[in-house]
Amino acid sequence: VFEEQNYRRQIHVGHHTPPGDQVYLQIVGLGGIYVVDAEWL
């Protein structure tokens, strides 16, 4: 959960993809799911 003065963003991190170098990510309120690089974890 990240907060600004009048803003709040919540991010859910899911499982790794089968190769293991990517991860599923969802931004609460936007609905869809992104596949992103897992290095930032």
All heavy atoms as atom14 arrays in JSON, in Angstrom:
{
  "sequence": "VFEEQNYRRQIHVGHHTPPGDQVYLQIVGLGGIYVVDAEWL",
  "atom14_mask": [
    [1, 1, 1, 1, 1, 1, 1, 0, 0, 0, 0, 0, 0, 0],
    [1, 1, 1, 1, 1, 1, 1, 1, 1, 1, 1, 0, 0, 0],
    [1, 1, 1, 1, 1, 1, 1, 1, 1, 0, 0, 0, 0, 0],
    [1, 1, 1, 1, 1, 1, 1, 1, 1, 0, 0, 0, 0, 0],
    [1, 1, 1, 1, 1, 1, 1, 1, 1, 0, 0, 0, 0, 0],
    [1, 1, 1, 1, 1, 1, 1, 1, 0, 0, 0, 0, 0, 0],
    [1, 1, 1, 1, 1, 1, 1, 1, 1, 1, 1, 1, 0, 0],
    [1, 1, 1, 1, 1, 1, 1, 1, 1, 1, 1, 0, 0, 0],
    [1, 1, 1, 1, 1, 1, 1, 1, 1, 1, 1, 0, 0, 0],
    [1, 1, 1, 1, 1, 1, 1, 1, 1, 0, 0, 0, 0, 0],
    [1, 1, 1, 1, 1, 1, 1, 1, 0, 0, 0, 0, 0, 0],
    [1, 1, 1, 1, 1, 1, 1, 1, 1, 1, 0, 0, 0, 0],
    [1, 1, 1, 1, 1, 1, 1, 0, 0, 0, 0, 0, 0, 0],
    [1, 1, 1, 1, 0, 0, 0, 0, 0, 0, 0, 0, 0, 0],
    [1, 1, 1, 1, 1, 1, 1, 1, 1, 1, 0, 0, 0, 0],
    [1, 1, 1, 1, 1, 1, 1, 1, 1, 1, 0, 0, 0, 0],
    [1, 1, 1, 1, 1, 1, 1, 0, 0, 0, 0, 0, 0, 0],
    [1, 1, 1, 1, 1, 1, 1, 0, 0, 0, 0, 0, 0, 0],
    [1, 1, 1, 1, 1, 1, 1, 0, 0, 0, 0, 0, 0, 0],
    [1, 1, 1, 1, 0, 0, 0, 0, 0, 0, 0, 0, 0, 0],
    [1, 1, 1, 1, 1, 1, 1, 1, 0, 0, 0, 0, 0, 0],
    [1, 1, 1, 1, 1, 1, 1, 1, 1, 0, 0, 0, 0, 0],
    [1, 1, 1, 1, 1, 1, 1, 0, 0, 0, 0, 0, 0, 0],
    [1, 1, 1, 1, 1, 1, 1, 1, 1, 1, 1, 1, 0, 0],
    [1, 1, 1, 1, 1, 1, 1, 1, 0, 0, 0, 0, 0, 0],
    [1, 1, 1, 1, 1, 1, 1, 1, 1, 0, 0, 0, 0, 0],
    [1, 1, 1, 1, 1, 1, 1, 1, 0, 0, 0, 0, 0, 0],
    [1, 1, 1, 1, 1, 1, 1, 0, 0, 0, 0, 0, 0, 0],
    [1, 1, 1, 1, 0, 0, 0, 0, 0, 0, 0, 0, 0, 0],
    [1, 1, 1, 1, 1, 1, 1, 1, 0, 0, 0, 0, 0, 0],
    [1, 1, 1, 1, 0, 0, 0, 0, 0, 0, 0, 0, 0, 0],
    [1, 1, 1, 1, 0, 0, 0, 0, 0, 0, 0, 0, 0, 0],
    [1, 1, 1, 1, 1, 1, 1, 1, 0, 0, 0, 0, 0, 0],
    [1, 1, 1, 1, 1, 1, 1, 1, 1, 1, 1, 1, 0, 0],
    [1, 1, 1, 1, 1, 1, 1, 0, 0, 0, 0, 0, 0, 0],
    [1, 1, 1, 1, 1, 1, 1, 0, 0, 0, 0, 0, 0, 0],
    [1, 1, 1, 1, 1, 1, 1, 1, 0, 0, 0, 0, 0, 0],
    [1, 1, 1, 1, 1, 0, 0, 0, 0, 0, 0, 0, 0, 0],
    [1, 1, 1, 1, 1, 1, 1, 1, 1, 0, 0, 0, 0, 0],
    [1, 1, 1, 1, 1, 1, 1, 1, 1, 1, 1, 1, 1, 1],
    [1, 1, 1, 1, 1, 1, 1, 1, 0, 0, 0, 0, 0, 0]
  ],
  "atom14_positions": [
    [[0.86, -1.18, 0.0], [0.0, 0.0, 0.0], [0.9, 1.24, 0.0], [1.8, 1.36, 0.84], [-0.94, 0.03, 1.23], [-1.76, 1.31, 1.23], [-1.84, -1.2, 1.24], [0.0, 0.0, 0.0], [0.0, 0.0, 0.0], [0.0, 0.0, 0.0], [0.0, 0.0, 0.0], [0.0, 0.0, 0.0], [0.0, 0.0, 0.0], [0.0, 0.0, 0.0]],
    [[0.63, 2.15, -0.94], [1.4, 3.38, -1.06], [0.43, 4.56, -0.94], [-0.62, 4.57, -1.59], [2.13, 3.43, -2.4], [3.02, 2.24, -2.63], [2.52, 1.09, -3.24], [4.34, 2.26, -2.24], [3.33, -0.01, -3.45], [5.16, 1.16, -2.44], [4.66, 0.02, -3.05], [0.0, 0.0, 0.0], [0.0, 0.0, 0.0], [0.0, 0.0, 0.0]],
    [[0.8, 5.52, -0.13], [-0.09, 6.66, 0.1], [0.61, 7.97, -0.24], [1.8, 8.14, 0.01], [-0.56, 6.69, 1.56], [-1.42, 5.49, 1.95], [-1.89, 5.57, 3.39], [-1.53, 6.54, 4.08], [-2.62, 4.66, 3.83], [0.0, 0.0, 0.0], [0.0, 0.0, 0.0], [0.0, 0.0, 0.0], [0.0, 0.0, 0.0], [0.0, 0.0, 0.0]],
    [[-0.18, 8.87, -0.83], [0.23, 10.24, -1.04], [-0.69, 11.11, -0.19], [-1.43, 10.61, 0.64], [0.14, 10.61, -2.52], [1.01, 9.76, -3.42], [0.84, 10.1, -4.89], [0.34, 11.22, -5.17], [1.17, 9.27, -5.75], [0.0, 0.0, 0.0], [0.0, 0.0, 0.0], [0.0, 0.0, 0.0], [0.0, 0.0, 0.0], [0.0, 0.0, 0.0]],
    [[-0.67, 12.4, -0.42], [-1.49, 13.29, 0.4], [-2.98, 12.99, 0.24], [-3.72, 12.9, 1.23], [-1.2, 14.74, 0.04], [-1.93, 15.74, 0.95], [-1.51, 17.17, 0.67], [-0.71, 17.43, -0.21], [-2.06, 18.11, 1.42], [0.0, 0.0, 0.0], [0.0, 0.0, 0.0], [0.0, 0.0, 0.0], [0.0, 0.0, 0.0], [0.0, 0.0, 0.0]],
    [[-3.43, 12.84, -0.99], [-4.86, 12.57, -1.24], [-5.04, 11.38, -2.17], [-5.94, 11.37, -3.02], [-5.54, 13.81, -1.84], [-5.5, 15.0, -0.9], [-5.92, 14.91, 0.25], [-5.0, 16.12, -1.4], [0.0, 0.0, 0.0], [0.0, 0.0, 0.0], [0.0, 0.0, 0.0], [0.0, 0.0, 0.0], [0.0, 0.0, 0.0], [0.0, 0.0, 0.0]],
    [[-4.16, 10.39, -2.02], [-4.18, 9.29, -2.97], [-3.68, 8.02, -2.29], [-2.77, 8.08, -1.46], [-3.28, 9.65, -4.17], [-3.18, 8.59, -5.24], [-4.19, 8.43, -6.19], [-2.06, 7.77, -5.31], [-4.07, 7.47, -7.18], [-1.95, 6.81, -6.3], [-2.95, 6.67, -7.23], [-2.84, 5.71, -8.2], [0.0, 0.0, 0.0], [0.0, 0.0, 0.0]],
    [[-4.26, 6.89, -2.64], [-3.87, 5.61, -2.07], [-3.87, 4.55, -3.16], [-4.85, 4.39, -3.88], [-4.83, 5.2, -0.94], [-4.43, 3.95, -0.17], [-5.44, 3.74, 0.97], [-5.05, 2.68, 1.88], [-5.41, 1.4, 1.72], [-6.17, 1.04, 0.68], [-5.03, 0.5, 2.61], [0.0, 0.0, 0.0], [0.0, 0.0, 0.0], [0.0, 0.0, 0.0]],
    [[-2.76, 3.83, -3.3], [-2.64, 2.79, -4.31], [-2.26, 1.48, -3.63], [-1.28, 1.42, -2.89], [-1.59, 3.15, -5.35], [-1.34, 2.07, -6.39], [-2.54, 1.94, -7.32], [-2.5, 2.91, -8.4], [-3.52, 3.16, -9.2], [-4.67, 2.53, -9.02], [-3.43, 4.05, -10.17], [0.0, 0.0, 0.0], [0.0, 0.0, 0.0], [0.0, 0.0, 0.0]],
    [[-3.06, 0.44, -3.87], [-2.77, -0.87, -3.29], [-2.44, -1.86, -4.4], [-3.13, -1.91, -5.43], [-3.97, -1.39, -2.48], [-3.69, -2.71, -1.76], [-4.79, -3.09, -0.79], [-5.78, -2.38, -0.65], [-4.61, -4.2, -0.1], [0.0, 0.0, 0.0], [0.0, 0.0, 0.0], [0.0, 0.0, 0.0], [0.0, 0.0, 0.0], [0.0, 0.0, 0.0]],
    [[-1.38, -2.61, -4.19], [-0.89, -3.56, -5.19], [-0.86, -4.95, -4.58], [-0.35, -5.15, -3.47], [0.52, -3.17, -5.68], [0.47, -1.81, -6.4], [1.09, -4.23, -6.6], [1.84, -1.29, -6.8], [0.0, 0.0, 0.0], [0.0, 0.0, 0.0], [0.0, 0.0, 0.0], [0.0, 0.0, 0.0], [0.0, 0.0, 0.0], [0.0, 0.0, 0.0]],
    [[-1.4, -5.93, -5.31], [-1.34, -7.33, -4.9], [-0.36, -8.07, -5.81], [-0.46, -7.99, -7.04], [-2.72, -7.98, -5.0], [-3.65, -7.56, -3.91], [-4.96, -8.0, -3.84], [-3.48, -6.76, -2.83], [-5.54, -7.47, -2.77], [-4.66, -6.71, -2.15], [0.0, 0.0, 0.0], [0.0, 0.0, 0.0], [0.0, 0.0, 0.0], [0.0, 0.0, 0.0]],
    [[0.56, -8.78, -5.21], [1.54, -9.57, -5.94], [1.17, -11.04, -5.82], [0.94, -11.54, -4.71], [2.96, -9.34, -5.41], [3.98, -10.14, -6.23], [3.3, -7.86, -5.43], [0.0, 0.0, 0.0], [0.0, 0.0, 0.0], [0.0, 0.0, 0.0], [0.0, 0.0, 0.0], [0.0, 0.0, 0.0], [0.0, 0.0, 0.0], [0.0, 0.0, 0.0]],
    [[1.09, -11.73, -6.96], [0.66, -13.13, -6.96], [1.8, -14.1, -7.18], [2.95, -13.87, -6.79], [0.0, 0.0, 0.0], [0.0, 0.0, 0.0], [0.0, 0.0, 0.0], [0.0, 0.0, 0.0], [0.0, 0.0, 0.0], [0.0, 0.0, 0.0], [0.0, 0.0, 0.0], [0.0, 0.0, 0.0], [0.0, 0.0, 0.0], [0.0, 0.0, 0.0]],
    [[1.48, -15.22, -7.84], [2.47, -16.28, -8.08], [3.47, -15.86, -9.16], [3.2, -14.97, -9.97], [1.76, -17.56, -8.54], [0.81, -18.12, -7.53], [1.15, -18.34, -6.21], [-0.5, -18.51, -7.66], [0.11, -18.84, -5.56], [-0.9, -18.95, -6.42], [0.0, 0.0, 0.0], [0.0, 0.0, 0.0], [0.0, 0.0, 0.0], [0.0, 0.0, 0.0]],
    [[4.61, -16.55, -9.16], [5.54, -16.41, -10.26], [5.0, -17.18, -11.47], [4.28, -18.17, -11.33], [6.92, -16.97, -9.88], [7.72, -16.05, -9.01], [7.43, -15.84, -7.68], [8.81, -15.28, -9.29], [8.31, -15.0, -7.17], [9.14, -14.63, -8.12], [0.0, 0.0, 0.0], [0.0, 0.0, 0.0], [0.0, 0.0, 0.0], [0.0, 0.0, 0.0]],
    [[5.36, -16.72, -12.64], [5.02, -17.46, -13.86], [5.87, -18.73, -13.9], [6.9, -18.81, -13.23], [5.28, -16.6, -15.1], [6.66, -16.2, -15.1], [4.4, -15.36, -15.1], [0.0, 0.0, 0.0], [0.0, 0.0, 0.0], [0.0, 0.0, 0.0], [0.0, 0.0, 0.0], [0.0, 0.0, 0.0], [0.0, 0.0, 0.0], [0.0, 0.0, 0.0]],
    [[5.49, -19.73, -14.7], [6.23, -21.0, -14.73], [7.74, -20.86, -14.92], [8.5, -21.54, -14.22], [5.57, -21.75, -15.89], [4.16, -21.26, -15.87], [4.24, -19.81, -15.49], [0.0, 0.0, 0.0], [0.0, 0.0, 0.0], [0.0, 0.0, 0.0], [0.0, 0.0, 0.0], [0.0, 0.0, 0.0], [0.0, 0.0, 0.0], [0.0, 0.0, 0.0]],
    [[8.26, -19.95, -15.78], [9.72, -19.82, -15.86], [10.35, -19.28, -14.58], [11.53, -19.5, -14.32], [9.93, -18.85, -17.03], [8.66, -18.93, -17.82], [7.59, -19.15, -16.8], [0.0, 0.0, 0.0], [0.0, 0.0, 0.0], [0.0, 0.0, 0.0], [0.0, 0.0, 0.0], [0.0, 0.0, 0.0], [0.0, 0.0, 0.0], [0.0, 0.0, 0.0]],
    [[9.57, -18.52, -13.79], [10.07, -18.0, -12.53], [10.66, -16.61, -12.56], [10.95, -16.04, -11.52], [0.0, 0.0, 0.0], [0.0, 0.0, 0.0], [0.0, 0.0, 0.0], [0.0, 0.0, 0.0], [0.0, 0.0, 0.0], [0.0, 0.0, 0.0], [0.0, 0.0, 0.0], [0.0, 0.0, 0.0], [0.0, 0.0, 0.0], [0.0, 0.0, 0.0]],
    [[10.84, -16.04, -13.76], [11.45, -14.71, -13.84], [10.42, -13.59, -13.94], [10.78, -12.42, -14.04], [12.41, -14.64, -15.04], [11.7, -14.94, -16.35], [10.58, -15.51, -16.32], [12.27, -14.6, -17.42], [0.0, 0.0, 0.0], [0.0, 0.0, 0.0], [0.0, 0.0, 0.0], [0.0, 0.0, 0.0], [0.0, 0.0, 0.0], [0.0, 0.0, 0.0]],
    [[9.15, -13.95, -13.94], [8.08, -12.96, -13.97], [7.06, -13.28, -12.88], [7.04, -14.38, -12.33], [7.4, -12.93, -15.35], [8.3, -12.42, -16.47], [7.6, -12.45, -17.81], [6.92, -13.41, -18.16], [7.77, -11.38, -18.58], [0.0, 0.0, 0.0], [0.0, 0.0, 0.0], [0.0, 0.0, 0.0], [0.0, 0.0, 0.0], [0.0, 0.0, 0.0]],
    [[6.21, -12.29, -12.59], [5.24, -12.46, -11.52], [3.93, -11.78, -11.9], [3.94, -10.81, -12.68], [5.8, -11.87, -10.19], [5.91, -10.36, -10.27], [4.97, -12.29, -9.0], [0.0, 0.0, 0.0], [0.0, 0.0, 0.0], [0.0, 0.0, 0.0], [0.0, 0.0, 0.0], [0.0, 0.0, 0.0], [0.0, 0.0, 0.0], [0.0, 0.0, 0.0]],
    [[2.82, -12.3, -11.4], [1.51, -11.7, -11.65], [1.28, -10.57, -10.65], [1.6, -10.7, -9.46], [0.41, -12.75, -11.53], [0.51, -13.87, -12.53], [0.9, -15.15, -12.14], [0.21, -13.65, -13.87], [1.0, -16.19, -13.06], [0.32, -14.67, -14.8], [0.71, -15.94, -14.4], [0.82, -16.95, -15.32], [0.0, 0.0, 0.0], [0.0, 0.0, 0.0]],
    [[0.73, -9.49, -11.13], [0.53, -8.31, -10.29], [-0.81, -7.67, -10.62], [-1.2, -7.57, -11.8], [1.68, -7.32, -10.53], [1.69, -6.0, -9.75], [3.14, -5.58, -9.48], [0.98, -4.9, -10.54], [0.0, 0.0, 0.0], [0.0, 0.0, 0.0], [0.0, 0.0, 0.0], [0.0, 0.0, 0.0], [0.0, 0.0, 0.0], [0.0, 0.0, 0.0]],
    [[-1.52, -7.26, -9.58], [-2.83, -6.61, -9.77], [-2.88, -5.32, -8.95], [-2.47, -5.3, -7.79], [-3.96, -7.53, -9.33], [-5.35, -6.96, -9.59], [-6.43, -7.93, -9.15], [-6.49, -8.36, -8.01], [-7.31, -8.3, -10.08], [0.0, 0.0, 0.0], [0.0, 0.0, 0.0], [0.0, 0.0, 0.0], [0.0, 0.0, 0.0], [0.0, 0.0, 0.0]],
    [[-3.37, -4.26, -9.57], [-3.59, -3.0, -8.88], [-5.05, -2.96, -8.48], [-5.95, -3.01, -9.33], [-3.24, -1.8, -9.78], [-1.75, -1.86, -10.13], [-3.57, -0.49, -9.08], [-1.29, -0.77, -11.04], [0.0, 0.0, 0.0], [0.0, 0.0, 0.0], [0.0, 0.0, 0.0], [0.0, 0.0, 0.0], [0.0, 0.0, 0.0], [0.0, 0.0, 0.0]],
    [[-5.29, -2.92, -7.19], [-6.66, -2.96, -6.67], [-7.46, -1.79, -7.22], [-7.03, -0.64, -7.17], [-6.65, -2.92, -5.13], [-8.08, -2.87, -4.59], [-5.91, -4.13, -4.57], [0.0, 0.0, 0.0], [0.0, 0.0, 0.0], [0.0, 0.0, 0.0], [0.0, 0.0, 0.0], [0.0, 0.0, 0.0], [0.0, 0.0, 0.0], [0.0, 0.0, 0.0]],
    [[-8.63, -2.12, -7.79], [-9.5, -1.1, -8.36], [-9.44, -1.04, -9.87], [-10.34, -0.48, -10.51], [0.0, 0.0, 0.0], [0.0, 0.0, 0.0], [0.0, 0.0, 0.0], [0.0, 0.0, 0.0], [0.0, 0.0, 0.0], [0.0, 0.0, 0.0], [0.0, 0.0, 0.0], [0.0, 0.0, 0.0], [0.0, 0.0, 0.0], [0.0, 0.0, 0.0]],
    [[-8.39, -1.62, -10.47], [-8.27, -1.6, -11.94], [-8.74, -2.9, -12.58], [-8.99, -2.94, -13.77], [-6.82, -1.3, -12.34], [-6.28, 0.07, -11.92], [-4.91, 0.31, -12.55], [-7.23, 1.19, -12.3], [0.0, 0.0, 0.0], [0.0, 0.0, 0.0], [0.0, 0.0, 0.0], [0.0, 0.0, 0.0], [0.0, 0.0, 0.0], [0.0, 0.0, 0.0]],
    [[-8.79, -3.97, -11.8], [-9.42, -5.2, -12.3], [-8.5, -6.17, -13.0], [-8.51, -7.36, -12.68], [0.0, 0.0, 0.0], [0.0, 0.0, 0.0], [0.0, 0.0, 0.0], [0.0, 0.0, 0.0], [0.0, 0.0, 0.0], [0.0, 0.0, 0.0], [0.0, 0.0, 0.0], [0.0, 0.0, 0.0], [0.0, 0.0, 0.0], [0.0, 0.0, 0.0]],
    [[-7.72, -5.74, -13.99], [-6.89, -6.65, -14.76], [-5.67, -7.12, -13.99], [-5.41, -6.72, -12.86], [0.0, 0.0, 0.0], [0.0, 0.0, 0.0], [0.0, 0.0, 0.0], [0.0, 0.0, 0.0], [0.0, 0.0, 0.0], [0.0, 0.0, 0.0], [0.0, 0.0, 0.0], [0.0, 0.0, 0.0], [0.0, 0.0, 0.0], [0.0, 0.0, 0.0]],
    [[-4.9, -8.01, -14.62], [-3.68, -8.55, -14.04], [-2.52, -8.32, -15.0], [-2.64, -8.57, -16.21], [-3.83, -10.05, -13.71], [-4.83, -10.25, -12.57], [-2.49, -10.68, -13.34], [-5.08, -11.7, -12.21], [0.0, 0.0, 0.0], [0.0, 0.0, 0.0], [0.0, 0.0, 0.0], [0.0, 0.0, 0.0], [0.0, 0.0, 0.0], [0.0, 0.0, 0.0]],
    [[-1.4, -7.86, -14.46], [-0.21, -7.61, -15.26], [0.81, -8.72, -15.02], [0.92, -9.25, -13.91], [0.43, -6.27, -14.87], [-0.47, -5.08, -15.06], [-1.33, -4.65, -14.04], [-0.47, -4.35, -16.25], [-2.16, -3.56, -14.2], [-1.29, -3.25, -16.42], [-2.13, -2.85, -15.39], [-2.95, -1.76, -15.56], [0.0, 0.0, 0.0], [0.0, 0.0, 0.0]],
    [[1.57, -9.05, -16.05], [2.72, -9.95, -15.92], [3.96, -9.08, -16.02], [4.22, -8.45, -17.04], [2.72, -11.02, -17.02], [3.95, -11.92, -16.88], [1.44, -11.86, -16.95], [0.0, 0.0, 0.0], [0.0, 0.0, 0.0], [0.0, 0.0, 0.0], [0.0, 0.0, 0.0], [0.0, 0.0, 0.0], [0.0, 0.0, 0.0], [0.0, 0.0, 0.0]],
    [[4.73, -9.0, -14.92], [5.87, -8.1, -14.86], [7.13, -8.86, -14.47], [7.07, -9.98, -13.95], [5.63, -6.95, -13.84], [4.38, -6.17, -14.21], [5.51, -7.5, -12.42], [0.0, 0.0, 0.0], [0.0, 0.0, 0.0], [0.0, 0.0, 0.0], [0.0, 0.0, 0.0], [0.0, 0.0, 0.0], [0.0, 0.0, 0.0], [0.0, 0.0, 0.0]],
    [[8.27, -8.23, -14.7], [9.55, -8.81, -14.31], [9.6, -8.94, -12.78], [9.15, -8.06, -12.05], [10.69, -7.92, -14.8], [12.04, -8.58, -14.6], [12.6, -8.48, -13.48], [12.54, -9.2, -15.55], [0.0, 0.0, 0.0], [0.0, 0.0, 0.0], [0.0, 0.0, 0.0], [0.0, 0.0, 0.0], [0.0, 0.0, 0.0], [0.0, 0.0, 0.0]],
    [[10.16, -10.05, -12.3], [10.17, -10.32, -10.85], [11.4, -9.77, -10.15], [11.52, -9.9, -8.93], [10.08, -11.83, -10.61], [0.0, 0.0, 0.0], [0.0, 0.0, 0.0], [0.0, 0.0, 0.0], [0.0, 0.0, 0.0], [0.0, 0.0, 0.0], [0.0, 0.0, 0.0], [0.0, 0.0, 0.0], [0.0, 0.0, 0.0], [0.0, 0.0, 0.0]],
    [[12.31, -9.13, -10.87], [13.56, -8.67, -10.29], [13.33, -7.68, -9.15], [14.06, -7.67, -8.15], [14.43, -8.04, -11.37], [15.83, -7.69, -10.93], [16.71, -8.9, -10.65], [16.35, -10.01, -11.1], [17.75, -8.73, -9.98], [0.0, 0.0, 0.0], [0.0, 0.0, 0.0], [0.0, 0.0, 0.0], [0.0, 0.0, 0.0], [0.0, 0.0, 0.0]],
    [[12.3, -6.83, -9.26], [12.06, -5.79, -8.25], [11.65, -6.37, -6.89], [11.76, -5.69, -5.87], [10.98, -4.82, -8.74], [9.62, -5.44, -8.84], [9.09, -6.12, -9.9], [8.6, -5.45, -7.83], [7.82, -6.54, -9.61], [7.49, -6.14, -8.35], [8.52, -4.91, -6.55], [6.31, -6.33, -7.63], [7.35, -5.09, -5.81], [6.26, -5.79, -6.35]],
    [[11.23, -7.63, -6.88], [10.84, -8.25, -5.61], [12.01, -8.34, -4.63], [11.82, -8.42, -3.42], [10.27, -9.65, -5.85], [8.96, -9.74, -6.64], [8.57, -11.19, -6.86], [7.85, -8.98, -5.92], [0.0, 0.0, 0.0], [0.0, 0.0, 0.0], [0.0, 0.0, 0.0], [0.0, 0.0, 0.0], [0.0, 0.0, 0.0], [0.0, 0.0, 0.0]]
  ]
}
